[in-house]
Protein backbone atom coordinates (compact mmCIF):
# COMPACT_ATOMS: atom_id res chain seq x y z
CA MET A 1 -56.28 -14.10 17.23
CA THR A 2 -59.21 -15.29 15.11
CA GLY A 3 -60.44 -18.74 14.65
CA GLN A 4 -59.23 -18.73 11.24
CA GLU A 5 -55.76 -17.84 12.06
CA LEU A 6 -55.59 -20.42 14.79
CA THR A 7 -56.96 -23.10 12.41
CA GLY A 8 -54.24 -22.03 9.87
CA LEU A 9 -51.51 -22.07 12.55
CA ILE A 10 -52.60 -25.71 13.64
CA GLY A 11 -52.66 -26.80 10.30
CA ALA A 12 -49.14 -25.41 9.66
CA LEU A 13 -47.33 -26.30 12.92
CA GLY A 14 -49.55 -29.10 14.04
CA PHE A 15 -51.71 -29.39 17.13
CA PRO A 16 -49.12 -30.53 19.88
CA ILE A 17 -46.86 -27.60 18.83
CA VAL A 18 -49.43 -24.96 19.01
CA LEU A 19 -50.81 -26.66 22.34
CA VAL A 20 -47.10 -26.12 23.72
CA LEU A 21 -46.70 -22.66 22.39
CA ALA A 22 -50.19 -21.66 24.11
CA PHE A 23 -49.23 -23.30 27.42
CA LEU A 24 -45.87 -21.49 27.38
CA TRP A 25 -47.74 -18.05 26.78
CA PHE A 26 -49.90 -18.94 29.56
CA VAL A 27 -47.17 -19.70 31.87
CA LYS A 28 -45.29 -16.38 30.90
CA ARG A 29 -48.42 -14.29 31.14
CA ASP A 30 -50.13 -15.59 34.46
CA VAL A 31 -47.78 -18.08 36.29
CA TRP A 32 -44.20 -16.56 36.01
CA PRO A 33 -45.08 -13.39 37.61
CA GLN A 34 -46.53 -15.17 40.66
CA ILE A 35 -43.39 -17.29 40.77
CA VAL A 36 -41.23 -14.07 40.83
CA LYS A 37 -43.40 -12.52 43.73
CA TRP A 38 -43.18 -15.75 45.74
CA VAL A 39 -39.38 -15.97 45.39
CA GLU A 40 -38.96 -12.24 46.36
CA LEU A 41 -41.27 -12.72 49.36
CA ASN A 42 -39.38 -15.96 50.22
CA ARG A 43 -36.13 -14.12 50.01
CA ALA A 44 -37.18 -11.30 52.25
CA ALA A 45 -38.54 -13.61 54.80
CA SER A 46 -35.36 -15.76 54.73
CA GLU A 47 -33.48 -12.53 55.48
CA ILE A 48 -35.56 -11.45 58.28
CA ARG A 49 -35.22 -15.13 59.78
CA HIS A 50 -31.46 -14.83 59.32
CA ARG A 51 -31.16 -11.45 61.09
CA GLU A 52 -33.40 -12.87 63.91
CA PHE A 53 -31.19 -16.00 64.11
CA ILE A 54 -27.91 -13.97 64.35
CA GLU A 55 -29.47 -11.82 66.99
CA ALA A 56 -30.53 -14.94 69.13
CA VAL A 57 -26.94 -16.40 68.89
CA ARG A 58 -25.60 -13.21 70.02
CA LYS A 59 -27.94 -13.19 73.14
CA ASN A 60 -27.16 -16.97 73.52
CA GLY A 61 -23.57 -16.31 73.60
CA ALA A 62 -23.85 -13.91 76.46
CA SER A 63 -26.11 -16.23 78.37
CA GLU A 64 -23.85 -19.17 77.93
CA GLU A 65 -21.57 -17.76 80.42
CA VAL A 66 -24.20 -17.19 82.93
CA THR A 67 -25.58 -20.74 82.40
CA GLY A 68 -22.10 -22.25 82.76
CA LYS A 69 -21.88 -20.50 86.29
CA MET A 70 -25.31 -21.88 87.24
CA LEU A 71 -24.15 -25.38 86.30
CA ILE A 72 -21.21 -25.09 88.44
CA ILE A 73 -23.34 -24.10 91.30
CA ILE A 74 -25.74 -26.85 90.80
CA ASP A 75 -22.92 -29.36 90.50
CA GLN A 76 -21.58 -28.06 93.82
CA LYS A 77 -24.80 -28.43 95.48
CA LEU A 78 -25.10 -31.93 94.27
CA ASP A 79 -22.03 -32.78 95.60
CA ASP A 80 -23.01 -31.42 98.98
CA HIS A 81 -26.18 -33.78 98.82
CA ARG A 82 -24.06 -36.67 97.78
CA THR A 83 -21.87 -36.14 100.87
CA ASP A 84 -25.04 -35.97 103.11
CA ALA A 85 -26.43 -38.97 101.49
CA ARG A 86 -23.22 -41.01 102.08
CA GLN A 87 -23.13 -39.62 105.80
CA ILE A 88 -26.67 -40.65 106.10
CA GLY A 89 -25.91 -44.15 104.58
CA HIS A 90 -22.88 -44.63 106.81
CA LYS A 91 -25.31 -43.89 109.96
CA VAL A 92 -27.83 -46.46 108.75
CA ASP A 93 -25.16 -48.96 108.48
CA GLN A 94 -24.00 -48.35 111.80
CA VAL A 95 -27.67 -48.74 113.18
CA LEU A 96 -28.22 -52.02 111.17
CA LEU A 97 -24.97 -53.41 112.50
CA SER A 98 -26.02 -52.49 116.10
CA THR A 99 -29.71 -53.91 115.53
CA GLN A 100 -27.96 -57.33 114.35
CA ARG A 101 -25.64 -57.44 117.32
CA ILE A 102 -28.67 -56.85 119.66
CA GLU A 103 -30.67 -59.56 117.79
CA ALA A 104 -27.71 -61.84 118.14
CA ALA A 105 -27.30 -61.28 121.81
CA ILE A 106 -31.10 -61.71 122.42
CA SER A 107 -30.87 -65.07 120.51
CA LYS A 108 -28.01 -66.12 122.40
CA SER A 109 -29.63 -65.22 125.63
CA GLU A 110 -32.89 -67.22 124.87
CA LYS A 111 -30.72 -70.14 123.93
CA THR A 112 -29.12 -70.22 127.20
CA ASP A 113 -32.26 -70.01 129.13
């Protein structure tokens, strides 16, 4: 397009309309192909992520059973430790009670002396 044709177009349509048409032509020629490529690459990457996610979910489903069994074993071990802790606590209570009785007997004997 020559300068004289451009000047005639601006004179006939007006500068804002010619500017918008030039912008649309630029977008169609340079920007739109890049957007199309980006969308296609994004779609392909999304499909790959989706396949990987489905595979991970399938693997996780198999490992959930193993994890459940491990949690049951851990819970049983914790119950054993709780029982041991209760037994130790009971023995400590007995020792403290014996100590208090001994201290009471000593204080009684000191008072009588």
